[in-house]
Amino acid sequence: MINVIKKEIDMEESLKKRLEIICDFCNTTPTIINGSIRKIDKTNLNYIEPHRIIINSIMFLAFNYSNEIYINNLSKKIKISELENYIKTMN
């Protein structure tokens, strides 16, 4: 039987503050869901689930210590510094 161990990861404080400041400028409130590490017991297989940030019903994905944020899935990314302009064009 496969045993999957899930451990929640807290979002880096500086990343969280950057996202909250950007959302304040855009007059929105982000919903932040912490990511996790999933490990298959007795193997060396690990998966890092990104943090999910929901802004205006659009999901963004972010990893700790990264300057990029992903839109809906891991195929489209932008720099966090460009997030404010992206949110403003969504409205």
C-alpha atoms as a PDB file:
ATOM      1  CA  MET A   1       0.000   0.000   0.000  1.00  0.00           C
ATOM      2  CA  ILE A   2       1.257   3.478  -0.888  1.00  0.00           C
ATOM      3  CA  ASN A   3       1.406   5.899   1.993  1.00  0.00           C
ATOM      4  CA  VAL A   4       1.471   9.613   1.042  1.00  0.00           C
ATOM      5  CA  ILE A   5       2.670  12.013   3.734  1.00  0.00           C
ATOM      6  CA  LYS A   6       1.417  15.592   3.411  1.00  0.00           C
ATOM      7  CA  LYS A   7       3.071  18.445   5.293  1.00  0.00           C
ATOM      8  CA  GLU A   8       1.846  22.037   4.963  1.00  0.00           C
ATOM      9  CA  ILE A   9       4.365  24.767   4.098  1.00  0.00           C
ATOM     10  CA  ASP A  10       3.889  28.291   5.423  1.00  0.00           C
ATOM     11  CA  MET A  11       4.180  31.082   2.885  1.00  0.00           C
ATOM     12  CA  GLU A  12       7.321  33.144   3.193  1.00  0.00           C
ATOM     13  CA  GLU A  13       6.469  36.354   5.073  1.00  0.00           C
ATOM     14  CA  SER A  14       8.096  38.737   2.568  1.00  0.00           C
ATOM     15  CA  LEU A  15       6.206  37.104  -0.343  1.00  0.00           C
ATOM     16  CA  LYS A  16       2.938  37.364   1.564  1.00  0.00           C
ATOM     17  CA  LYS A  17       3.517  41.052   2.326  1.00  0.00           C
ATOM     18  CA  ARG A  18       4.410  41.812  -1.315  1.00  0.00           C
ATOM     19  CA  LEU A  19       1.182  40.193  -2.511  1.00  0.00           C
ATOM     20  CA  GLU A  20      -0.908  42.003   0.089  1.00  0.00           C
ATOM     21  CA  ILE A  21       0.629  45.387  -0.838  1.00  0.00           C
ATOM     22  CA  ILE A  22      -0.024  44.797  -4.542  1.00  0.00           C
ATOM     23  CA  CYS A  23      -3.623  43.831  -3.804  1.00  0.00           C
ATOM     24  CA  ASP A  24      -4.068  46.944  -1.627  1.00  0.00           C
ATOM     25  CA  PHE A  25      -3.035  49.111  -4.581  1.00  0.00           C
ATOM     26  CA  CYS A  26      -5.623  47.302  -6.715  1.00  0.00           C
ATOM     27  CA  ASN A  27      -8.386  47.517  -4.065  1.00  0.00           C
ATOM     28  CA  THR A  28      -8.754  43.734  -3.838  1.00  0.00           C
ATOM     29  CA  THR A  29      -8.321  41.171  -1.105  1.00  0.00           C
ATOM     30  CA  PRO A  30      -6.323  38.013  -1.801  1.00  0.00           C
ATOM     31  CA  THR A  31      -7.292  34.607  -0.450  1.00  0.00           C
ATOM     32  CA  ILE A  32      -4.095  32.713   0.354  1.00  0.00           C
ATOM     33  CA  ILE A  33      -3.972  28.927   0.682  1.00  0.00           C
ATOM     34  CA  ASN A  34      -0.656  27.516   1.839  1.00  0.00           C
ATOM     35  CA  GLY A  35       1.061  24.892  -0.291  1.00  0.00           C
ATOM     36  CA  SER A  36       2.395  21.564   0.918  1.00  0.00           C
ATOM     37  CA  ILE A  37       5.034  18.926   0.440  1.00  0.00           C
ATOM     38  CA  ARG A  38       3.734  15.495  -0.501  1.00  0.00           C
ATOM     39  CA  LYS A  39       6.103  12.601   0.036  1.00  0.00           C
ATOM     40  CA  ILE A  40       5.581   8.963  -0.821  1.00  0.00           C
ATOM     41  CA  ASP A  41       6.695   6.961   2.199  1.00  0.00           C
ATOM     42  CA  LYS A  42       9.810   4.768   1.824  1.00  0.00           C
ATOM     43  CA  THR A  43      10.816   6.423  -1.481  1.00  0.00           C
ATOM     44  CA  ASN A  44      12.689   9.540  -2.501  1.00  0.00           C
ATOM     45  CA  LEU A  45       9.706  10.932  -4.458  1.00  0.00           C
ATOM     46  CA  ASN A  46       8.519  14.372  -3.351  1.00  0.00           C
ATOM     47  CA  TYR A  47       6.118  16.906  -4.823  1.00  0.00           C
ATOM     48  CA  ILE A  48       6.023  20.534  -3.762  1.00  0.00           C
ATOM     49  CA  GLU A  49       2.529  21.928  -4.146  1.00  0.00           C
ATOM     50  CA  PRO A  50       2.633  25.705  -4.741  1.00  0.00           C
ATOM     51  CA  HIS A  51       0.811  28.287  -2.641  1.00  0.00           C
ATOM     52  CA  ARG A  52      -2.529  29.278  -4.139  1.00  0.00           C
ATOM     53  CA  ILE A  53      -3.553  32.912  -4.209  1.00  0.00           C
ATOM     54  CA  ILE A  54      -7.073  33.719  -5.375  1.00  0.00           C
ATOM     55  CA  ILE A  55      -7.611  37.287  -6.574  1.00  0.00           C
ATOM     56  CA  ASN A  56     -10.886  38.295  -8.260  1.00  0.00           C
ATOM     57  CA  SER A  57     -11.766  34.608  -8.797  1.00  0.00           C
ATOM     58  CA  ILE A  58      -8.504  33.929 -10.684  1.00  0.00           C
ATOM     59  CA  MET A  59      -6.034  31.509  -9.151  1.00  0.00           C
ATOM     60  CA  PHE A  60      -2.344  32.352  -9.032  1.00  0.00           C
ATOM     61  CA  LEU A  61       0.368  29.914  -7.952  1.00  0.00           C
ATOM     62  CA  ALA A  62       3.553  30.932  -6.144  1.00  0.00           C
ATOM     63  CA  PHE A  63       6.576  29.236  -4.633  1.00  0.00           C
ATOM     64  CA  ASN A  64       8.612  30.535  -1.695  1.00  0.00           C
ATOM     65  CA  TYR A  65      11.768  32.469  -2.653  1.00  0.00           C
ATOM     66  CA  SER A  66      10.608  32.982  -6.255  1.00  0.00           C
ATOM     67  CA  ASN A  67      10.145  36.269  -8.123  1.00  0.00           C
ATOM     68  CA  GLU A  68       7.577  34.780 -10.474  1.00  0.00           C
ATOM     69  CA  ILE A  69       3.907  33.975 -10.099  1.00  0.00           C
ATOM     70  CA  TYR A  70       1.942  31.535 -12.247  1.00  0.00           C
ATOM     71  CA  ILE A  71      -1.526  32.163 -13.655  1.00  0.00           C
ATOM     72  CA  ASN A  72      -4.049  29.279 -13.259  1.00  0.00           C
ATOM     73  CA  ASN A  73      -1.397  26.593 -13.925  1.00  0.00           C
ATOM     74  CA  LEU A  74       2.354  26.252 -14.302  1.00  0.00           C
ATOM     75  CA  SER A  75       2.396  26.992 -18.040  1.00  0.00           C
ATOM     76  CA  LYS A  76       1.953  30.795 -17.891  1.00  0.00           C
ATOM     77  CA  LYS A  77       4.030  32.960 -15.580  1.00  0.00           C
ATOM     78  CA  ILE A  78       4.716  36.619 -14.936  1.00  0.00           C
ATOM     79  CA  LYS A  79       7.037  38.462 -12.596  1.00  0.00           C
ATOM     80  CA  ILE A  80       5.520  39.502  -9.282  1.00  0.00           C
ATOM     81  CA  SER A  81       6.418  43.107 -10.134  1.00  0.00           C
ATOM     82  CA  GLU A  82       4.033  42.872 -13.130  1.00  0.00           C
ATOM     83  CA  LEU A  83       1.145  41.487 -11.056  1.00  0.00           C
ATOM     84  CA  GLU A  84      -0.385  44.889 -10.289  1.00  0.00           C
ATOM     85  CA  ASN A  85      -0.740  45.725 -13.999  1.00  0.00           C
ATOM     86  CA  TYR A  86      -2.150  42.251 -14.682  1.00  0.00           C
ATOM     87  CA  ILE A  87      -4.803  42.604 -11.976  1.00  0.00           C
ATOM     88  CA  LYS A  88      -5.793  46.060 -13.219  1.00  0.00           C
ATOM     89  CA  THR A  89      -6.259  44.758 -16.773  1.00  0.00           C
ATOM     90  CA  MET A  90      -8.426  41.880 -15.477  1.00  0.00           C
ATOM     91  CA  ASN A  91     -11.053  44.290 -14.129  1.00  0.00           C
END
